[in-house]
Protein backbone atom coordinates (compact mmCIF):
# COMPACT_ATOMS: atom_id res chain seq x y z
CA UNK A 1 95.83 189.38 146.09
CA UNK A 2 94.98 186.02 145.29
CA UNK A 3 96.87 186.16 141.70
CA UNK A 4 100.47 186.11 143.20
CA UNK A 5 99.35 183.06 145.23
CA UNK A 6 97.83 181.48 142.20
CA UNK A 7 100.69 179.25 141.28
CA UNK A 8 101.56 177.95 144.68
CA UNK A 9 98.03 177.27 145.54
CA UNK A 10 97.23 175.07 142.23
CA UNK A 11 100.75 172.96 143.46
CA UNK A 12 98.69 172.32 146.93
CA UNK A 13 95.45 171.58 144.93
CA UNK A 14 97.19 168.79 142.68
CA UNK A 15 99.31 167.06 145.35
CA UNK A 16 98.39 164.17 146.86
CA UNK A 17 100.38 164.97 150.22
CA UNK A 18 100.63 167.83 151.89
CA UNK A 19 102.24 168.13 155.04
CA UNK A 20 102.61 171.44 157.23
CA UNK A 21 105.11 172.80 160.00
CA UNK A 22 103.82 175.50 161.95
CA UNK A 23 106.32 177.61 164.18
CA UNK A 24 106.13 180.61 166.22
CA UNK A 25 104.79 182.82 163.13
CA UNK A 26 101.12 181.95 163.45
CA UNK A 27 100.88 182.40 166.79
CA UNK A 28 102.40 186.16 166.26
CA UNK A 29 99.43 186.87 164.78
CA UNK A 30 97.15 185.69 167.90
CA UNK A 31 99.36 188.51 169.81
CA UNK A 32 102.03 185.94 171.24
CA UNK A 33 105.51 187.22 171.00
CA UNK A 34 107.73 184.86 168.31
CA UNK A 35 111.01 183.74 170.31
CA UNK A 36 113.60 184.54 168.06
CA UNK A 37 112.35 187.25 165.58
CA UNK A 38 113.00 190.90 165.51
CA UNK A 39 111.18 191.59 168.50
CA UNK A 40 110.92 188.60 169.80
CA UNK A 41 110.75 187.11 173.26
CA UNK A 42 114.54 185.94 173.61
CA UNK A 43 115.11 189.73 172.24
CA UNK A 44 112.96 191.80 174.48
CA UNK A 45 113.17 189.87 177.38
CA UNK A 46 117.16 188.77 177.53
CA UNK A 47 116.83 187.87 181.14
CA UNK A 48 113.95 187.05 184.21
CA UNK A 49 114.93 186.82 187.61
CA UNK A 50 118.70 187.31 186.50
CA UNK A 51 118.92 184.26 184.65
CA UNK A 52 118.98 184.19 180.52
CA UNK A 53 116.29 182.71 179.06
CA UNK A 54 117.98 179.16 177.67
CA UNK A 55 119.04 178.55 181.49
CA UNK A 56 115.33 179.43 182.88
CA UNK A 57 113.90 176.89 180.35
CA UNK A 58 116.36 174.11 180.64
CA UNK A 59 115.20 171.07 182.75
CA UNK A 60 118.18 171.18 185.33
CA UNK A 61 116.78 174.80 186.33
CA UNK A 62 113.42 173.65 186.68
CA UNK A 63 114.02 170.75 188.95
CA UNK A 64 116.49 173.63 191.10
CA UNK A 65 114.46 176.89 190.78
CA UNK A 66 110.84 175.50 190.08
CA UNK A 67 109.46 178.80 192.12
CA UNK A 68 111.23 181.04 189.48
CA UNK A 69 109.97 179.08 186.53
CA UNK A 70 106.50 178.94 187.55
CA UNK A 71 106.90 182.80 188.41
CA UNK A 72 107.77 183.41 184.74
CA UNK A 73 105.55 180.88 183.36
CA UNK A 74 102.34 182.76 185.37
CA UNK A 75 103.45 186.13 183.54
CA UNK A 76 104.87 185.10 180.23
CA UNK A 77 103.57 181.63 179.15
CA UNK A 78 99.99 180.82 181.10
CA UNK A 79 98.92 183.84 179.40
CA UNK A 80 99.14 182.06 175.73
CA UNK A 81 96.67 179.55 176.91
CA UNK A 82 93.92 182.86 176.85
CA UNK A 83 94.54 183.98 173.36
CA UNK A 84 92.55 183.00 170.18
CA UNK A 85 93.44 181.37 166.98
CA UNK A 86 94.47 183.54 164.00
CA UNK A 87 93.55 183.25 160.42
CA UNK A 88 96.84 180.78 160.42
CA UNK A 89 95.23 178.37 162.52
CA UNK A 90 91.66 178.54 161.37
CA UNK A 91 92.88 178.44 157.60
CA UNK A 92 95.19 175.48 158.27
CA UNK A 93 91.93 174.08 160.24
CA UNK A 94 90.00 174.08 157.17
CA UNK A 95 92.28 172.82 154.64
CA UNK A 96 93.12 169.91 156.74
CA UNK A 97 89.62 169.13 156.84
CA UNK A 98 89.05 169.97 153.32
CA UNK A 99 91.79 167.22 152.75
CA UNK A 100 94.19 169.60 151.13
CA UNK A 101 97.03 169.10 153.72
CA UNK A 102 96.80 165.74 155.73
CA UNK A 103 99.19 166.20 158.93
CA UNK A 104 100.11 169.38 160.95
CA UNK A 105 102.84 169.47 162.99
CA UNK A 106 103.79 172.17 165.00
CA UNK A 107 106.90 174.20 167.21
CA UNK A 108 104.24 175.55 169.45
CA UNK A 109 103.09 174.94 172.60
CA UNK A 110 100.10 176.98 172.74
CA UNK A 111 96.80 174.49 171.49
CA UNK A 112 95.95 177.12 169.09
CA UNK A 113 95.87 174.43 166.31
CA UNK A 114 93.61 172.60 168.29
CA UNK A 115 91.16 175.28 169.67
CA UNK A 116 91.02 176.35 165.80
CA UNK A 117 89.60 172.30 165.43
CA UNK A 118 92.73 171.54 163.75
CA UNK A 119 94.46 168.04 165.09
CA UNK A 120 98.16 169.04 164.99
CA UNK A 121 101.15 167.04 166.44
CA UNK A 122 102.88 169.08 168.97
CA UNK A 123 106.77 168.64 168.65
CA UNK A 124 107.86 170.36 171.22
CA UNK A 125 104.94 169.78 173.68
CA UNK A 126 102.05 171.99 175.30
CA UNK A 127 101.05 174.09 178.32
CA UNK A 128 97.83 172.30 178.69
CA UNK A 129 99.40 169.14 179.92
CA UNK A 130 101.33 168.42 183.10
CA UNK A 131 102.97 165.50 184.70
CA UNK A 132 104.63 164.59 187.87
CA UNK A 133 108.19 164.00 187.45
CA UNK A 134 108.22 161.52 190.23
CA UNK A 135 105.06 159.00 189.58
CA UNK A 136 104.27 160.28 186.08
CA UNK A 137 100.90 160.98 186.98
CA UNK A 138 99.23 163.25 184.48
CA UNK A 139 95.36 164.07 184.90
CA UNK A 140 96.07 167.62 186.65
CA UNK A 141 93.91 170.35 186.30
CA UNK A 142 95.14 172.92 184.16
CA UNK A 143 92.83 175.60 185.75
CA UNK A 144 94.36 174.36 188.90
CA UNK A 145 98.06 174.70 187.70
CA UNK A 146 97.44 178.11 186.64
CA UNK A 147 95.68 179.51 189.81
CA UNK A 148 98.84 177.75 192.38
CA UNK A 149 101.33 179.38 190.22
CA UNK A 150 99.01 182.89 190.03
CA UNK A 151 99.59 182.78 193.63
CA UNK A 152 103.12 182.41 193.67
CA UNK A 153 102.51 178.43 194.37
CA UNK A 154 104.82 175.38 193.05
CA UNK A 155 102.41 172.79 192.07
CA UNK A 156 103.42 169.51 193.72
CA UNK A 157 101.70 165.91 193.25
CA UNK A 158 100.15 164.14 196.16
CA UNK A 159 102.85 161.56 195.90
CA UNK A 160 105.30 164.83 196.42
CA UNK A 161 106.83 165.21 193.21
CA UNK A 162 107.16 167.85 191.29
CA UNK A 163 104.53 168.78 188.67
CA UNK A 164 106.17 169.76 184.75
CA UNK A 165 104.41 171.32 182.13
CA UNK A 166 104.69 168.69 179.36
CA UNK A 167 106.86 171.29 177.39
CA UNK A 168 110.08 170.17 175.95
CA UNK A 169 112.74 171.87 177.92
CA UNK A 170 116.39 172.45 177.14
CA UNK A 171 118.25 169.38 177.90
CA UNK A 172 115.32 167.01 177.33
CA UNK A 173 114.93 165.03 173.90
CA UNK A 174 111.85 165.61 171.78
CA UNK A 175 109.65 162.29 171.81
CA UNK A 176 111.56 159.64 169.42
CA UNK A 177 108.47 157.88 168.18
CA UNK A 178 106.43 161.37 167.14
CA UNK A 179 109.93 162.57 165.57
CA UNK A 180 110.40 159.19 163.71
CA UNK A 181 106.69 159.80 162.43
CA UNK A 182 107.23 163.14 161.26
CA UNK A 183 110.60 162.31 159.31
CA UNK A 184 108.57 159.71 157.93
CA UNK A 185 105.65 161.90 156.91
CA UNK A 186 108.06 164.43 155.27
CA UNK A 187 109.86 161.90 153.22
CA UNK A 188 106.35 160.56 151.76
CA UNK A 189 104.65 164.32 151.43
CA UNK A 190 104.76 165.37 147.82
CA UNK A 191 104.71 168.93 149.40
CA UNK A 192 105.96 170.44 152.44
CA UNK A 193 104.48 173.64 153.96
CA UNK A 194 106.21 175.55 156.12
CA UNK A 195 104.50 178.37 158.21
CA UNK A 196 106.10 180.96 160.30
CA UNK A 197 108.85 178.91 161.40
CA UNK A 198 112.32 180.57 161.47
CA UNK A 199 113.97 176.74 160.85
CA UNK A 200 116.63 177.44 163.42
CA UNK A 201 115.83 174.81 166.16
CA UNK A 202 116.83 171.31 165.10
CA UNK A 203 115.86 168.32 164.96
CA UNK A 204 112.42 170.16 163.61
CA UNK A 205 114.63 172.38 161.47
CA UNK A 206 115.82 169.85 159.16
CA UNK A 207 112.39 168.23 158.71
CA UNK A 208 111.80 169.91 155.14
CA UNK A 209 114.86 168.37 154.01
CA UNK A 210 113.16 165.15 154.02
CA UNK A 211 111.34 165.53 151.29
CA UNK A 212 113.63 167.51 149.34
CA UNK A 213 116.21 164.44 149.10
CA UNK A 214 113.12 162.67 147.35
CA UNK A 215 112.59 166.15 145.13
CA UNK A 216 109.47 166.63 146.63
CA UNK A 217 108.17 170.23 146.54
CA UNK A 218 109.03 172.71 149.36
CA UNK A 219 106.79 175.98 150.28
CA UNK A 220 108.17 178.40 152.78
CA UNK A 221 105.60 180.95 154.32
CA UNK A 222 107.83 183.77 157.12
CA UNK A 223 108.58 187.05 157.83
CA UNK A 224 112.19 186.43 157.77
CA UNK A 225 114.39 184.79 155.26
CA UNK A 226 115.54 180.96 156.36
CA UNK A 227 118.44 178.88 155.44
CA UNK A 228 116.16 176.63 153.39
CA UNK A 229 114.37 179.41 151.34
CA UNK A 230 116.91 178.28 148.18
CA UNK A 231 115.74 174.86 148.29
CA UNK A 232 111.80 176.18 148.54
CA UNK A 233 109.61 176.42 145.12
CA UNK A 234 107.93 179.63 146.78
CA UNK A 235 108.61 181.47 149.53
CA UNK A 236 106.39 184.36 150.49
CA UNK A 237 106.61 187.00 153.70
CA UNK A 238 103.52 187.33 154.84
CA UNK A 239 101.34 185.04 156.76
CA UNK A 240 98.24 186.32 157.25
CA UNK A 241 98.15 187.56 153.31
CA UNK A 242 98.93 183.80 152.06
CA UNK A 243 96.12 182.53 154.63
CA UNK A 244 93.64 185.06 153.53
CA UNK A 245 94.24 184.48 149.75
CA UNK A 246 94.12 180.66 150.35
CA UNK A 247 90.82 180.99 151.66
CA UNK A 248 89.55 182.78 148.91
CA UNK A 249 90.90 180.37 146.41
CA UNK A 250 89.65 177.13 147.92
CA UNK A 251 86.95 178.74 149.36
CA UNK A 252 87.17 177.45 152.62
């Protein structure tokens, strides 16, 4: 099994600067449905309370109907926090600790990279941290937020402001400083390793091409084909097999 990946792993081993981007595919191995795959979140749950998914996850909707959002979050989002890291999260954490890869960026909001012992920059935010839309206070207990949502309650700050998850909703911009850092990292990287991302959501989807401009190498591991496969040095469909093989090859 390792043999089919050997040349790819040799490339990773020889590179001085490997940067990683992960998407929903690494967390499907932990039992979290992806968003846009064949059995993804958007395709199997097209509506909640009569509202389309992209409407439900928009900033305007959240401000107007926080009760509906938190009901949805209680049923579909907060359960992510009870999941355990997959072989992909664990492998990447070990690769990072060994210096095989430097920075990990993720589109995921489930905090599983952190649980696995890795350090990941969360481009779309996370479900653990919350903040008040009025005063900006952010030291809220996730257990209290989850408990309130489970009771059908909307969490409010002591100032009366609405509490929001630190997740980038539709209608919000990504953190510009973090995004600039990501583009700079991908431009400098010798190799960009993409795991479990369909590379369809901008601006994150354009990160792999930042390195390609400077003739850097690209590796894509994803169940479905992506628009960027034609630029990749290697493409593989099986994330679990890739990570298990990497564990054997690098003796992680």
